[in-house]
């Protein structure tokens, strides 16, 4: 498995640093921003797609998180 080192926060471009601050303030984990920050335009497009799936919709955020946790447990995901 390839392991990509995370960028230090100060190495993120201004847009990604701001995104990381907002994401963390909302209770999110910024490790993926620090890891995929090497491709800022791709990451920005991914977050624009992914955020509404995670943060909005008909299913409550709490229920989505419980499903994610159960799937991680079933797949023996340690992260």
Foldseek 3Di string as FASTA:
>chain_A
DDDADFADLVPAPPVLNVVLVVQVVVVHDCRVSRRPSVPVVVVVVVCVVVVCVQPHDDDDNVVVVVVVVVVCVVVVPPD
